[in-house]
PDB file of N, CA and C in Angstrom:
ATOM      1  N   MET A   1       2.533   7.443  43.097  1.00  0.00           N
ATOM      2  CA  MET A   1       3.524   8.472  42.803  1.00  0.00           C
ATOM      3  C   MET A   1       4.908   7.840  42.787  1.00  0.00           C
ATOM      4  N   ALA A   2       5.648   8.054  41.734  1.00  0.00           N
ATOM      5  CA  ALA A   2       6.983   7.481  41.595  1.00  0.00           C
ATOM      6  C   ALA A   2       7.978   8.283  42.426  1.00  0.00           C
ATOM      7  N   ALA A   3       8.979   7.591  42.931  1.00  0.00           N
ATOM      8  CA  ALA A   3      10.005   8.259  43.721  1.00  0.00           C
ATOM      9  C   ALA A   3      10.897   9.096  42.806  1.00  0.00           C
ATOM     10  N   LEU A   4      11.374  10.199  43.336  1.00  0.00           N
ATOM     11  CA  LEU A   4      12.259  11.072  42.566  1.00  0.00           C
ATOM     12  C   LEU A   4      13.648  10.449  42.445  1.00  0.00           C
ATOM     13  N   PRO A   5      14.309  10.620  41.293  1.00  0.00           N
ATOM     14  CA  PRO A   5      15.706  10.199  41.224  1.00  0.00           C
ATOM     15  C   PRO A   5      16.558  11.091  42.116  1.00  0.00           C
ATOM     16  N   VAL A   6      17.495  10.507  42.809  1.00  0.00           N
ATOM     17  CA  VAL A   6      18.364  11.237  43.722  1.00  0.00           C
ATOM     18  C   VAL A   6      19.794  11.142  43.200  1.00  0.00           C
ATOM     19  N   TYR A   7      20.449  12.304  43.075  1.00  0.00           N
ATOM     20  CA  TYR A   7      21.825  12.362  42.607  1.00  0.00           C
ATOM     21  C   TYR A   7      22.694  12.958  43.706  1.00  0.00           C
ATOM     22  N   ARG A   8      23.949  12.575  43.705  1.00  0.00           N
ATOM     23  CA  ARG A   8      24.895  13.164  44.651  1.00  0.00           C
ATOM     24  C   ARG A   8      25.262  14.558  44.175  1.00  0.00           C
ATOM     25  N   TRP A   9      25.730  15.361  45.104  1.00  0.00           N
ATOM     26  CA  TRP A   9      26.093  16.755  44.839  1.00  0.00           C
ATOM     27  C   TRP A   9      27.064  16.842  43.667  1.00  0.00           C
ATOM     28  N   ARG A  10      26.788  17.730  42.718  1.00  0.00           N
ATOM     29  CA  ARG A  10      27.595  17.987  41.524  1.00  0.00           C
ATOM     30  C   ARG A  10      27.617  16.846  40.515  1.00  0.00           C
ATOM     31  N   LEU A  11      26.768  15.847  40.680  1.00  0.00           N
ATOM     32  CA  LEU A  11      26.760  14.718  39.759  1.00  0.00           C
ATOM     33  C   LEU A  11      25.431  14.564  39.030  1.00  0.00           C
ATOM     34  N   ALA A  12      24.651  15.626  38.936  1.00  0.00           N
ATOM     35  CA  ALA A  12      23.381  15.550  38.218  1.00  0.00           C
ATOM     36  C   ALA A  12      23.649  15.531  36.716  1.00  0.00           C
ATOM     37  N   PRO A  13      22.846  14.794  35.961  1.00  0.00           N
ATOM     38  CA  PRO A  13      23.048  14.761  34.510  1.00  0.00           C
ATOM     39  C   PRO A  13      22.639  16.086  33.868  1.00  0.00           C
ATOM     40  N   ASP A  14      23.086  16.300  32.637  1.00  0.00           N
ATOM     41  CA  ASP A  14      22.707  17.494  31.893  1.00  0.00           C
ATOM     42  C   ASP A  14      21.196  17.489  31.663  1.00  0.00           C
ATOM     43  N   GLY A  15      20.645  18.691  31.539  1.00  0.00           N
ATOM     44  CA  GLY A  15      19.213  18.802  31.299  1.00  0.00           C
ATOM     45  C   GLY A  15      18.412  19.111  32.545  1.00  0.00           C
ATOM     46  N   TYR A  16      19.060  19.150  33.704  1.00  0.00           N
ATOM     47  CA  TYR A  16      18.410  19.498  34.966  1.00  0.00           C
ATOM     48  C   TYR A  16      19.049  20.755  35.530  1.00  0.00           C
ATOM     49  N   ALA A  17      18.260  21.548  36.258  1.00  0.00           N
ATOM     50  CA  ALA A  17      18.784  22.763  36.875  1.00  0.00           C
ATOM     51  C   ALA A  17      17.953  23.106  38.101  1.00  0.00           C
ATOM     52  N   THR A  18      18.587  23.786  39.058  1.00  0.00           N
ATOM     53  CA  THR A  18      17.864  24.290  40.222  1.00  0.00           C
ATOM     54  C   THR A  18      17.119  25.565  39.839  1.00  0.00           C
ATOM     55  N   ARG A  19      16.282  26.058  40.734  1.00  0.00           N
ATOM     56  CA  ARG A  19      15.563  27.308  40.465  1.00  0.00           C
ATOM     57  C   ARG A  19      16.527  28.461  40.203  1.00  0.00           C
ATOM     58  N   ARG A  20      17.587  28.534  40.991  1.00  0.00           N
ATOM     59  CA  ARG A  20      18.555  29.618  40.805  1.00  0.00           C
ATOM     60  C   ARG A  20      19.260  29.511  39.457  1.00  0.00           C
ATOM     61  N   GLN A  21      19.591  28.313  39.070  1.00  0.00           N
ATOM     62  CA  GLN A  21      20.242  28.135  37.773  1.00  0.00           C
ATOM     63  C   GLN A  21      19.284  28.475  36.633  1.00  0.00           C
ATOM     64  N   LEU A  22      18.014  28.105  36.781  1.00  0.00           N
ATOM     65  CA  LEU A  22      17.029  28.474  35.762  1.00  0.00           C
ATOM     66  C   LEU A  22      16.918  29.992  35.673  1.00  0.00           C
ATOM     67  N   ARG A  23      16.832  30.640  36.812  1.00  0.00           N
ATOM     68  CA  ARG A  23      16.676  32.089  36.844  1.00  0.00           C
ATOM     69  C   ARG A  23      17.886  32.785  36.216  1.00  0.00           C
ATOM     70  N   ALA A  24      19.068  32.276  36.460  1.00  0.00           N
ATOM     71  CA  ALA A  24      20.276  32.856  35.883  1.00  0.00           C
ATOM     72  C   ALA A  24      20.261  32.768  34.359  1.00  0.00           C
ATOM     73  N   ASN A  25      19.528  31.802  33.829  1.00  0.00           N
ATOM     74  CA  ASN A  25      19.402  31.645  32.384  1.00  0.00           C
ATOM     75  C   ASN A  25      18.135  32.280  31.830  1.00  0.00           C
ATOM     76  N   GLY A  26      17.433  33.055  32.670  1.00  0.00           N
ATOM     77  CA  GLY A  26      16.220  33.732  32.214  1.00  0.00           C
ATOM     78  C   GLY A  26      15.029  32.813  32.100  1.00  0.00           C
ATOM     79  N   LEU A  27      15.001  31.731  32.896  1.00  0.00           N
ATOM     80  CA  LEU A  27      13.907  30.761  32.842  1.00  0.00           C
ATOM     81  C   LEU A  27      13.253  30.626  34.204  1.00  0.00           C
ATOM     82  N   ARG A  28      12.094  29.976  34.220  1.00  0.00           N
ATOM     83  CA  ARG A  28      11.374  29.650  35.450  1.00  0.00           C
ATOM     84  C   ARG A  28      10.820  28.243  35.300  1.00  0.00           C
ATOM     85  N   PRO A  29      10.509  27.549  36.409  1.00  0.00           N
ATOM     86  CA  PRO A  29       9.995  26.179  36.279  1.00  0.00           C
ATOM     87  C   PRO A  29       8.709  26.104  35.456  1.00  0.00           C
ATOM     88  N   GLY A  30       7.859  27.106  35.525  1.00  0.00           N
ATOM     89  CA  GLY A  30       6.665  27.128  34.682  1.00  0.00           C
ATOM     90  C   GLY A  30       5.614  26.108  35.051  1.00  0.00           C
ATOM     91  N   GLY A  31       5.467  25.796  36.327  1.00  0.00           N
ATOM     92  CA  GLY A  31       4.406  24.902  36.764  1.00  0.00           C
ATOM     93  C   GLY A  31       4.772  23.426  36.749  1.00  0.00           C
ATOM     94  N   GLN A  32       5.951  23.077  36.298  1.00  0.00           N
ATOM     95  CA  GLN A  32       6.333  21.663  36.279  1.00  0.00           C
ATOM     96  C   GLN A  32       6.667  21.177  37.677  1.00  0.00           C
ATOM     97  N   ASP A  33       6.488  19.905  37.895  1.00  0.00           N
ATOM     98  CA  ASP A  33       6.827  19.306  39.175  1.00  0.00           C
ATOM     99  C   ASP A  33       8.336  19.113  39.276  1.00  0.00           C
ATOM    100  N   VAL A  34       8.813  18.891  40.479  1.00  0.00           N
ATOM    101  CA  VAL A  34      10.228  18.614  40.699  1.00  0.00           C
ATOM    102  C   VAL A  34      10.562  17.313  39.967  1.00  0.00           C
ATOM    103  N   ALA A  35      11.646  17.324  39.187  1.00  0.00           N
ATOM    104  CA  ALA A  35      12.010  16.162  38.380  1.00  0.00           C
ATOM    105  C   ALA A  35      13.018  15.258  39.084  1.00  0.00           C
ATOM    106  N   ALA A  36      13.879  15.833  39.922  1.00  0.00           N
ATOM    107  CA  ALA A  36      14.899  15.053  40.627  1.00  0.00           C
ATOM    108  C   ALA A  36      15.399  15.872  41.803  1.00  0.00           C
ATOM    109  N   GLN A  37      16.274  15.289  42.586  1.00  0.00           N
ATOM    110  CA  GLN A  37      16.860  16.044  43.685  1.00  0.00           C
ATOM    111  C   GLN A  37      18.327  15.696  43.851  1.00  0.00           C
ATOM    112  N   LEU A  38      19.061  16.684  44.357  1.00  0.00           N
ATOM    113  CA  LEU A  38      20.468  16.511  44.698  1.00  0.00           C
ATOM    114  C   LEU A  38      20.575  16.368  46.198  1.00  0.00           C
ATOM    115  N   GLU A  39      21.513  15.573  46.659  1.00  0.00           N
ATOM    116  CA  GLU A  39      21.770  15.484  48.090  1.00  0.00           C
ATOM    117  C   GLU A  39      23.252  15.683  48.337  1.00  0.00           C
ATOM    118  N   ARG A  40      23.535  16.599  49.247  1.00  0.00           N
ATOM    119  CA  ARG A  40      24.912  16.852  49.661  1.00  0.00           C
ATOM    120  C   ARG A  40      25.065  16.339  51.082  1.00  0.00           C
ATOM    121  N   PRO A  41      25.892  15.331  51.283  1.00  0.00           N
ATOM    122  CA  PRO A  41      26.027  14.776  52.641  1.00  0.00           C
ATOM    123  C   PRO A  41      26.692  15.757  53.600  1.00  0.00           C
ATOM    124  N   ARG A  42      26.271  15.669  54.860  1.00  0.00           N
ATOM    125  CA  ARG A  42      26.885  16.461  55.930  1.00  0.00           C
ATOM    126  C   ARG A  42      27.255  15.519  57.058  1.00  0.00           C
ATOM    127  N   ARG A  43      28.166  15.929  57.896  1.00  0.00           N
ATOM    128  CA  ARG A  43      28.701  15.028  58.912  1.00  0.00           C
ATOM    129  C   ARG A  43      27.720  14.664  60.025  1.00  0.00           C
ATOM    130  N   ARG A  44      27.158  15.646  60.673  1.00  0.00           N
ATOM    131  CA  ARG A  44      26.360  15.355  61.862  1.00  0.00           C
ATOM    132  C   ARG A  44      24.869  15.611  61.686  1.00  0.00           C
ATOM    133  N   ARG A  45      24.470  15.984  60.491  1.00  0.00           N
ATOM    134  CA  ARG A  45      23.053  16.270  60.244  1.00  0.00           C
ATOM    135  C   ARG A  45      22.620  15.567  58.969  1.00  0.00           C
ATOM    136  N   GLY A  46      21.359  15.706  58.658  1.00  0.00           N
ATOM    137  CA  GLY A  46      20.851  15.124  57.423  1.00  0.00           C
ATOM    138  C   GLY A  46      21.429  15.845  56.215  1.00  0.00           C
ATOM    139  N   PRO A  47      21.299  15.267  55.040  1.00  0.00           N
ATOM    140  CA  PRO A  47      21.904  15.874  53.854  1.00  0.00           C
ATOM    141  C   PRO A  47      21.170  17.145  53.426  1.00  0.00           C
ATOM    142  N   LEU A  48      21.919  18.033  52.777  1.00  0.00           N
ATOM    143  CA  LEU A  48      21.304  19.191  52.148  1.00  0.00           C
ATOM    144  C   LEU A  48      20.637  18.714  50.867  1.00  0.00           C
ATOM    145  N   VAL A  49      19.443  19.227  50.601  1.00  0.00           N
ATOM    146  CA  VAL A  49      18.685  18.782  49.438  1.00  0.00           C
ATOM    147  C   VAL A  49      18.423  19.975  48.534  1.00  0.00           C
ATOM    148  N   ALA A  50      18.637  19.775  47.235  1.00  0.00           N
ATOM    149  CA  ALA A  50      18.307  20.786  46.228  1.00  0.00           C
ATOM    150  C   ALA A  50      17.410  20.115  45.193  1.00  0.00           C
ATOM    151  N   TYR A  51      16.315  20.776  44.843  1.00  0.00           N
ATOM    152  CA  TYR A  51      15.389  20.208  43.878  1.00  0.00           C
ATOM    153  C   TYR A  51      15.769  20.637  42.471  1.00  0.00           C
ATOM    154  N   LEU A  52      15.617  19.716  41.538  1.00  0.00           N
ATOM    155  CA  LEU A  52      15.985  19.960  40.152  1.00  0.00           C
ATOM    156  C   LEU A  52      14.759  19.954  39.253  1.00  0.00           C
ATOM    157  N   TYR A  53      14.795  20.807  38.233  1.00  0.00           N
ATOM    158  CA  TYR A  53      13.721  20.905  37.250  1.00  0.00           C
ATOM    159  C   TYR A  53      14.302  20.648  35.873  1.00  0.00           C
ATOM    160  N   ARG A  54      13.471  20.180  34.970  1.00  0.00           N
ATOM    161  CA  ARG A  54      13.923  19.922  33.611  1.00  0.00           C
ATOM    162  C   ARG A  54      14.025  21.236  32.847  1.00  0.00           C
ATOM    163  N   ILE A  55      15.155  21.428  32.185  1.00  0.00           N
ATOM    164  CA  ILE A  55      15.383  22.671  31.452  1.00  0.00           C
ATOM    165  C   ILE A  55      14.502  22.742  30.212  1.00  0.00           C
ATOM    166  N   ASP A  56      14.251  21.602  29.562  1.00  0.00           N
ATOM    167  CA  ASP A  56      13.456  21.624  28.335  1.00  0.00           C
ATOM    168  C   ASP A  56      11.993  21.980  28.580  1.00  0.00           C
ATOM    169  N   LEU A  57      11.504  21.806  29.813  1.00  0.00           N
ATOM    170  CA  LEU A  57      10.118  22.162  30.147  1.00  0.00           C
ATOM    171  C   LEU A  57       9.998  23.551  30.776  1.00  0.00           C
ATOM    172  N   ALA A  58      11.145  24.198  31.044  1.00  0.00           N
ATOM    173  CA  ALA A  58      11.132  25.519  31.680  1.00  0.00           C
ATOM    174  C   ALA A  58      10.618  26.562  30.691  1.00  0.00           C
ATOM    175  N   LYS A  59      10.017  27.606  31.249  1.00  0.00           N
ATOM    176  CA  LYS A  59       9.468  28.690  30.441  1.00  0.00           C
ATOM    177  C   LYS A  59      10.254  29.968  30.693  1.00  0.00           C
ATOM    178  N   PRO A  60      10.192  30.921  29.771  1.00  0.00           N
ATOM    179  CA  PRO A  60      10.900  32.185  29.998  1.00  0.00           C
ATOM    180  C   PRO A  60      10.293  32.959  31.170  1.00  0.00           C
ATOM    181  N   VAL A  61      11.127  33.746  31.818  1.00  0.00           N
ATOM    182  CA  VAL A  61      10.670  34.581  32.922  1.00  0.00           C
ATOM    183  C   VAL A  61       9.715  35.636  32.377  1.00  0.00           C
ATOM    184  N   ARG A  62       8.651  35.881  33.111  1.00  0.00           N
ATOM    185  CA  ARG A  62       7.692  36.900  32.683  1.00  0.00           C
ATOM    186  C   ARG A  62       8.325  38.282  32.810  1.00  0.00           C
ATOM    187  N   PRO A  63       8.117  39.162  31.821  1.00  0.00           N
ATOM    188  CA  PRO A  63       8.707  40.492  31.902  1.00  0.00           C
ATOM    189  C   PRO A  63       8.001  41.348  32.959  1.00  0.00           C
ATOM    190  N   MET A  64       8.759  42.287  33.505  1.00  0.00           N
ATOM    191  CA  MET A  64       8.186  43.211  34.494  1.00  0.00           C
ATOM    192  C   MET A  64       7.344  44.257  33.778  1.00  0.00           C
ATOM    193  N   THR A  65       6.131  44.443  34.257  1.00  0.00           N
ATOM    194  CA  THR A  65       5.255  45.478  33.713  1.00  0.00           C
ATOM    195  C   THR A  65       5.471  46.765  34.499  1.00  0.00           C
ATOM    196  N   PRO A  66       5.044  47.910  33.973  1.00  0.00           N
ATOM    197  CA  PRO A  66       5.179  49.154  34.741  1.00  0.00           C
ATOM    198  C   PRO A  66       4.487  49.093  36.106  1.00  0.00           C
ATOM    199  N   ALA A  67       3.360  48.406  36.185  1.00  0.00           N
ATOM    200  CA  ALA A  67       2.660  48.298  37.467  1.00  0.00           C
ATOM    201  C   ALA A  67       3.466  47.468  38.465  1.00  0.00           C
ATOM    202  N   ARG A  68       4.105  46.414  37.989  1.00  0.00           N
ATOM    203  CA  ARG A  68       4.925  45.592  38.880  1.00  0.00           C
ATOM    204  C   ARG A  68       6.163  46.349  39.326  1.00  0.00           C
ATOM    205  N   TRP A  69       6.775  47.143  38.434  1.00  0.00           N
ATOM    206  CA  TRP A  69       7.916  47.976  38.831  1.00  0.00           C
ATOM    207  C   TRP A  69       7.489  48.971  39.904  1.00  0.00           C
ATOM    208  N   ALA A  70       6.308  49.572  39.735  1.00  0.00           N
ATOM    209  CA  ALA A  70       5.823  50.549  40.710  1.00  0.00           C
ATOM    210  C   ALA A  70       5.552  49.886  42.061  1.00  0.00           C
ATOM    211  N   ALA A  71       4.968  48.705  42.048  1.00  0.00           N
ATOM    212  CA  ALA A  71       4.692  47.995  43.297  1.00  0.00           C
ATOM    213  C   ALA A  71       5.993  47.613  44.004  1.00  0.00           C
ATOM    214  N   LEU A  72       6.996  47.199  43.245  1.00  0.00           N
ATOM    215  CA  LEU A  72       8.287  46.848  43.834  1.00  0.00           C
ATOM    216  C   LEU A  72       8.961  48.071  44.440  1.00  0.00           C
ATOM    217  N   ALA A  73       8.908  49.200  43.749  1.00  0.00           N
ATOM    218  CA  ALA A  73       9.496  50.431  44.280  1.00  0.00           C
ATOM    219  C   ALA A  73       8.791  50.873  45.565  1.00  0.00           C
ATOM    220  N   LYS A  74       7.475  50.736  45.591  1.00  0.00           N
ATOM    221  CA  LYS A  74       6.711  51.113  46.784  1.00  0.00           C
ATOM    222  C   LYS A  74       7.048  50.200  47.967  1.00  0.00           C
ATOM    223  N   ALA A  75       7.194  48.901  47.711  1.00  0.00           N
ATOM    224  CA  ALA A  75       7.528  47.958  48.777  1.00  0.00           C
ATOM    225  C   ALA A  75       8.933  48.224  49.319  1.00  0.00           C
ATOM    226  N   ASN A  76       9.884  48.524  48.423  1.00  0.00           N
ATOM    227  CA  ASN A  76      11.239  48.812  48.880  1.00  0.00           C
ATOM    228  C   ASN A  76      11.299  50.125  49.653  1.00  0.00           C
ATOM    229  N   ALA A  77      10.504  51.111  49.244  1.00  0.00           N
ATOM    230  CA  ALA A  77      10.466  52.380  49.979  1.00  0.00           C
ATOM    231  C   ALA A  77       9.881  52.172  51.377  1.00  0.00           C
ATOM    232  N   ALA A  78       8.887  51.293  51.500  1.00  0.00           N
ATOM    233  CA  ALA A  78       8.278  51.037  52.805  1.00  0.00           C
ATOM    234  C   ALA A  78       9.262  50.387  53.766  1.00  0.00           C
ATOM    235  N   ARG A  79      10.222  49.647  53.260  1.00  0.00           N
ATOM    236  CA  ARG A  79      11.221  49.010  54.114  1.00  0.00           C
ATOM    237  C   ARG A  79      12.217  50.013  54.665  1.00  0.00           C
ATOM    238  N   ARG A  80      12.255  51.225  54.105  1.00  0.00           N
ATOM    239  CA  ARG A  80      13.195  52.253  54.562  1.00  0.00           C
ATOM    240  C   ARG A  80      12.579  53.217  55.564  1.00  0.00           C
ATOM    241  N   ILE A  81      11.257  53.221  55.710  1.00  0.00           N
ATOM    242  CA  ILE A  81      10.565  54.152  56.607  1.00  0.00           C
ATOM    243  C   ILE A  81      10.541  53.561  58.021  1.00  0.00           C
ATOM    244  N   CYS A  82      11.026  54.328  58.974  1.00  0.00           N
ATOM    245  CA  CYS A  82      11.021  53.895  60.378  1.00  0.00           C
ATOM    246  C   CYS A  82       9.599  53.963  60.914  1.00  0.00           C
ATOM    247  N   PRO A  83       9.078  52.897  61.518  1.00  0.00           N
ATOM    248  CA  PRO A  83       7.713  52.943  62.041  1.00  0.00           C
ATOM    249  C   PRO A  83       7.573  53.822  63.287  1.00  0.00           C
ATOM    250  N   GLN A  84       8.686  54.132  63.939  1.00  0.00           N
ATOM    251  CA  GLN A  84       8.613  54.924  65.164  1.00  0.00           C
ATOM    252  C   GLN A  84       8.674  56.425  64.881  1.00  0.00           C
ATOM    253  N   CYS A  85       9.658  56.854  64.109  1.00  0.00           N
ATOM    254  CA  CYS A  85       9.808  58.291  63.865  1.00  0.00           C
ATOM    255  C   CYS A  85       9.284  58.723  62.491  1.00  0.00           C
ATOM    256  N   ARG A  86       8.863  57.763  61.668  1.00  0.00           N
ATOM    257  CA  ARG A  86       8.268  58.022  60.353  1.00  0.00           C
ATOM    258  C   ARG A  86       9.179  58.790  59.402  1.00  0.00           C
ATOM    259  N   THR A  87      10.498  58.592  59.479  1.00  0.00           N
ATOM    260  CA  THR A  87      11.412  59.238  58.552  1.00  0.00           C
ATOM    261  C   THR A  87      12.068  58.170  57.682  1.00  0.00           C
ATOM    262  N   ASP A  88      12.555  58.607  56.516  1.00  0.00           N
ATOM    263  CA  ASP A  88      13.282  57.708  55.635  1.00  0.00           C
ATOM    264  C   ASP A  88      14.684  57.536  56.211  1.00  0.00           C
ATOM    265  N   ALA A  89      15.030  56.314  56.579  1.00  0.00           N
ATOM    266  CA  ALA A  89      16.307  56.056  57.231  1.00  0.00           C
ATOM    267  C   ALA A  89      17.473  56.131  56.254  1.00  0.00           C
ATOM    268  N   GLY A  90      17.211  56.014  54.959  1.00  0.00           N
ATOM    269  CA  GLY A  90      18.284  56.026  53.979  1.00  0.00           C
ATOM    270  C   GLY A  90      18.882  54.646  53.750  1.00  0.00           C
ATOM    271  N   TYR A  91      18.350  53.627  54.425  1.00  0.00           N
ATOM    272  CA  TYR A  91      18.792  52.238  54.283  1.00  0.00           C
ATOM    273  C   TYR A  91      17.622  51.357  54.660  1.00  0.00           C
ATOM    274  N   VAL A  92      17.696  50.094  54.313  1.00  0.00           N
ATOM    275  CA  VAL A  92      16.645  49.153  54.688  1.00  0.00           C
ATOM    276  C   VAL A  92      16.766  48.883  56.180  1.00  0.00           C
ATOM    277  N   ILE A  93      15.689  49.084  56.899  1.00  0.00           N
ATOM    278  CA  ILE A  93      15.691  48.930  58.359  1.00  0.00           C
ATOM    279  C   ILE A  93      15.811  47.447  58.707  1.00  0.00           C
ATOM    280  N   PRO A  94      16.772  47.070  59.549  1.00  0.00           N
ATOM    281  CA  PRO A  94      16.929  45.662  59.913  1.00  0.00           C
ATOM    282  C   PRO A  94      15.717  45.148  60.676  1.00  0.00           C
ATOM    283  N   THR A  95      15.264  43.959  60.332  1.00  0.00           N
ATOM    284  CA  THR A  95      14.117  43.389  61.031  1.00  0.00           C
ATOM    285  C   THR A  95      14.469  43.048  62.475  1.00  0.00           C
ATOM    286  N   SER A  96      15.750  42.842  62.762  1.00  0.00           N
ATOM    287  CA  SER A  96      16.146  42.540  64.140  1.00  0.00           C
ATOM    288  C   SER A  96      15.923  43.736  65.054  1.00  0.00           C
ATOM    289  N   LEU A  97      16.034  44.965  64.509  1.00  0.00           N
ATOM    290  CA  LEU A  97      15.801  46.164  65.311  1.00  0.00           C
ATOM    291  C   LEU A  97      14.346  46.605  65.239  1.00  0.00           C
ATOM    292  N   GLY A  98      13.780  46.559  64.042  1.00  0.00           N
ATOM    293  CA  GLY A  98      12.395  46.985  63.868  1.00  0.00           C
ATOM    294  C   GLY A  98      12.246  48.477  63.706  1.00  0.00           C
ATOM    295  N   THR A  99      13.276  49.244  64.010  1.00  0.00           N
ATOM    296  CA  THR A  99      13.276  50.695  63.857  1.00  0.00           C
ATOM    297  C   THR A  99      14.629  51.115  63.316  1.00  0.00           C
ATOM    298  N   CYS A 100      14.755  52.399  63.002  1.00  0.00           N
ATOM    299  CA  CYS A 100      16.052  52.887  62.541  1.00  0.00           C
ATOM    300  C   CYS A 100      17.031  52.864  63.729  1.00  0.00           C
ATOM    301  N   VAL A 101      18.298  52.961  63.438  1.00  0.00           N
ATOM    302  CA  VAL A 101      19.322  52.855  64.482  1.00  0.00           C
ATOM    303  C   VAL A 101      19.187  53.963  65.531  1.00  0.00           C
ATOM    304  N   PRO A 102      18.952  55.249  65.150  1.00  0.00           N
ATOM    305  CA  PRO A 102      18.793  56.279  66.195  1.00  0.00           C
ATOM    306  C   PRO A 102      17.602  56.014  67.129  1.00  0.00           C
ATOM    307  N   CYS A 103      16.526  55.429  66.611  1.00  0.00           N
ATOM    308  CA  CYS A 103      15.381  55.115  67.479  1.00  0.00           C
ATOM    309  C   CYS A 103      15.665  53.879  68.336  1.00  0.00           C
ATOM    310  N   ALA A 104      16.401  52.922  67.786  1.00  0.00           N
ATOM    311  CA  ALA A 104      16.693  51.701  68.536  1.00  0.00           C
ATOM    312  C   ALA A 104      17.706  51.950  69.643  1.00  0.00           C
ATOM    313  N   TYR A 105      18.693  52.828  69.367  1.00  0.00           N
ATOM    314  CA  TYR A 105      19.726  53.134  70.355  1.00  0.00           C
ATOM    315  C   TYR A 105      19.802  54.650  70.524  1.00  0.00           C
ATOM    316  N   PRO A 106      18.878  55.232  71.274  1.00  0.00           N
ATOM    317  CA  PRO A 106      18.914  56.684  71.437  1.00  0.00           C
ATOM    318  C   PRO A 106      20.179  57.127  72.172  1.00  0.00           C
ATOM    319  N   ASP A 107      20.678  58.288  71.767  1.00  0.00           N
ATOM    320  CA  ASP A 107      21.896  58.833  72.368  1.00  0.00           C
ATOM    321  C   ASP A 107      21.555  59.399  73.741  1.00  0.00           C
ATOM    322  N   PRO A 108      22.193  58.928  74.820  1.00  0.00           N
ATOM    323  CA  PRO A 108      21.870  59.420  76.152  1.00  0.00           C
ATOM    324  C   PRO A 108      22.222  60.890  76.333  1.00  0.00           C
ATOM    325  N   ALA A 109      23.145  61.439  75.511  1.00  0.00           N
ATOM    326  CA  ALA A 109      23.507  62.856  75.632  1.00  0.00           C
ATOM    327  C   ALA A 109      22.399  63.756  75.140  1.00  0.00           C
ATOM    328  N   ASP A 110      21.511  63.256  74.279  1.00  0.00           N
ATOM    329  CA  ASP A 110      20.417  64.063  73.747  1.00  0.00           C
ATOM    330  C   ASP A 110      19.225  64.141  74.695  1.00  0.00           C
ATOM    331  N   SER A 111      19.118  63.193  75.623  1.00  0.00           N
ATOM    332  CA  SER A 111      17.975  63.201  76.517  1.00  0.00           C
ATOM    333  C   SER A 111      18.189  64.224  77.628  1.00  0.00           C
ATOM    334  N   PRO A 112      17.096  64.855  78.105  1.00  0.00           N
ATOM    335  CA  PRO A 112      17.242  65.851  79.194  1.00  0.00           C
ATOM    336  C   PRO A 112      17.640  65.172  80.503  1.00  0.00           C
ATOM    337  N   ARG A 113      18.552  65.806  81.203  1.00  0.00           N
ATOM    338  CA  ARG A 113      19.015  65.237  82.471  1.00  0.00           C
ATOM    339  C   ARG A 113      18.164  65.774  83.608  1.00  0.00           C
ATOM    340  N   SER A 114      17.893  64.927  84.536  1.00  0.00           N
ATOM    341  CA  SER A 114      17.170  65.375  85.725  1.00  0.00           C
ATOM    342  C   SER A 114      18.185  65.683  86.814  1.00  0.00           C
ATOM    343  N   THR A 115      18.274  66.965  87.189  1.00  0.00           N
ATOM    344  CA  THR A 115      19.233  67.357  88.219  1.00  0.00           C
ATOM    345  C   THR A 115      18.549  67.945  89.405  1.00  0.00           C
TER     346      THR A 115
END
């Protein structure tokens, strides 16, 4: 296996792009292997690495089908349902809380007082 060409940050030749750059142009890698890599040096840690793909071998992004749109809508709706109170929170529930904000931080004024 041949070693990948390594370029410094912002110095890659034309004809290469990262996944994000391909996606912004309506393309995808399309099964091709990584063609090169970028390295951005950092002071106290190892370099940041970005993988590059050849633009001429990239394929167009597959269009969304009605079934895929429906599956995406269902997945996004599931992220809004609180697992504790089973209501639609109206926002995507943070994974750090795991529940909607009222369930994660119940209001002490709403709880019955023992006197």
